[in-house]
């Protein structure tokens, strides 16, 4: 079996991208674009499926 020792650290990869939608990657269902390396990371790790983003408020009046 697999076990984690007290001194081991987790491997964390955080992707931050501008204008990347959840449907833009193969691991989330896109069949038009090939993303094999990201798909492999998603299949071997945690894939988040519930996302929230706050809407910006812009007022043109001064």
C-alpha atoms as a PDB file:
ATOM      1  CA  UNK A   1       0.000   0.000   0.000  1.00  0.00           C
ATOM      2  CA  UNK A   2       0.856   3.654  -0.209  1.00  0.00           C
ATOM      3  CA  UNK A   3       1.546   5.679   2.895  1.00  0.00           C
ATOM      4  CA  UNK A   4       2.668   9.210   3.664  1.00  0.00           C
ATOM      5  CA  UNK A   5       5.443   9.770   6.158  1.00  0.00           C
ATOM      6  CA  UNK A   6       5.372  12.659   8.574  1.00  0.00           C
ATOM      7  CA  UNK A   7       8.209  14.459   6.747  1.00  0.00           C
ATOM      8  CA  UNK A   8       6.831  14.144   3.213  1.00  0.00           C
ATOM      9  CA  UNK A   9       5.400  17.207   1.492  1.00  0.00           C
ATOM     10  CA  UNK A  10       2.500  17.170  -0.973  1.00  0.00           C
ATOM     11  CA  UNK A  11       3.062  17.889  -4.654  1.00  0.00           C
ATOM     12  CA  UNK A  12       0.902  20.867  -5.597  1.00  0.00           C
ATOM     13  CA  UNK A  13       0.482  22.319  -9.090  1.00  0.00           C
ATOM     14  CA  UNK A  14      -1.676  25.435  -9.409  1.00  0.00           C
ATOM     15  CA  UNK A  15      -2.700  26.628 -12.874  1.00  0.00           C
ATOM     16  CA  UNK A  16      -3.587  30.289 -13.188  1.00  0.00           C
ATOM     17  CA  UNK A  17      -4.733  31.325 -16.641  1.00  0.00           C
ATOM     18  CA  UNK A  18      -6.558  34.305 -18.034  1.00  0.00           C
ATOM     19  CA  UNK A  19      -9.639  33.506 -20.141  1.00  0.00           C
ATOM     20  CA  UNK A  20      -9.431  29.719 -19.737  1.00  0.00           C
ATOM     21  CA  UNK A  21     -12.872  28.205 -19.394  1.00  0.00           C
ATOM     22  CA  UNK A  22     -13.685  24.879 -17.776  1.00  0.00           C
ATOM     23  CA  UNK A  23     -14.663  23.482 -21.188  1.00  0.00           C
ATOM     24  CA  UNK A  24     -11.357  24.424 -22.838  1.00  0.00           C
ATOM     25  CA  UNK A  25      -9.425  21.332 -21.686  1.00  0.00           C
ATOM     26  CA  UNK A  26      -9.826  17.696 -22.741  1.00  0.00           C
ATOM     27  CA  UNK A  27     -10.095  16.514 -19.134  1.00  0.00           C
ATOM     28  CA  UNK A  28     -13.285  18.596 -18.835  1.00  0.00           C
ATOM     29  CA  UNK A  29     -14.810  17.337 -22.083  1.00  0.00           C
ATOM     30  CA  UNK A  30     -13.282  19.381 -24.918  1.00  0.00           C
ATOM     31  CA  UNK A  31     -12.538  17.164 -27.922  1.00  0.00           C
ATOM     32  CA  UNK A  32     -11.253  19.956 -30.211  1.00  0.00           C
ATOM     33  CA  UNK A  33      -7.981  20.743 -28.427  1.00  0.00           C
ATOM     34  CA  UNK A  34      -5.366  18.202 -27.359  1.00  0.00           C
ATOM     35  CA  UNK A  35      -4.048  18.751 -23.809  1.00  0.00           C
ATOM     36  CA  UNK A  36      -2.383  15.389 -22.996  1.00  0.00           C
ATOM     37  CA  UNK A  37      -0.045  16.612 -20.247  1.00  0.00           C
ATOM     38  CA  UNK A  38      -2.769  18.469 -18.360  1.00  0.00           C
ATOM     39  CA  UNK A  39      -5.086  15.474 -18.872  1.00  0.00           C
ATOM     40  CA  UNK A  40      -2.498  13.178 -17.306  1.00  0.00           C
ATOM     41  CA  UNK A  41      -2.113  15.469 -14.296  1.00  0.00           C
ATOM     42  CA  UNK A  42      -5.910  15.578 -13.950  1.00  0.00           C
ATOM     43  CA  UNK A  43      -6.234  11.788 -14.117  1.00  0.00           C
ATOM     44  CA  UNK A  44      -3.555  11.245 -11.453  1.00  0.00           C
ATOM     45  CA  UNK A  45      -4.595  14.043  -9.103  1.00  0.00           C
ATOM     46  CA  UNK A  46      -7.546  16.116  -7.982  1.00  0.00           C
ATOM     47  CA  UNK A  47      -9.789  17.649 -10.624  1.00  0.00           C
ATOM     48  CA  UNK A  48     -12.020  20.466  -9.382  1.00  0.00           C
ATOM     49  CA  UNK A  49     -15.506  20.610 -10.890  1.00  0.00           C
ATOM     50  CA  UNK A  50     -17.331  23.379  -8.988  1.00  0.00           C
ATOM     51  CA  UNK A  51     -16.053  26.912  -9.588  1.00  0.00           C
ATOM     52  CA  UNK A  52     -17.250  30.357  -8.537  1.00  0.00           C
ATOM     53  CA  UNK A  53     -16.084  33.708  -9.839  1.00  0.00           C
ATOM     54  CA  UNK A  54     -17.132  37.100  -8.576  1.00  0.00           C
ATOM     55  CA  UNK A  55     -18.490  39.520 -11.153  1.00  0.00           C
ATOM     56  CA  UNK A  56     -16.714  42.838 -11.395  1.00  0.00           C
ATOM     57  CA  UNK A  57     -18.706  46.038 -10.957  1.00  0.00           C
ATOM     58  CA  UNK A  58     -17.846  48.892 -13.276  1.00  0.00           C
ATOM     59  CA  UNK A  59     -19.501  52.303 -13.043  1.00  0.00           C
ATOM     60  CA  UNK A  60     -19.068  54.636 -16.033  1.00  0.00           C
ATOM     61  CA  UNK A  61     -20.537  57.649 -14.181  1.00  0.00           C
ATOM     62  CA  UNK A  62     -18.077  60.013 -12.552  1.00  0.00           C
END
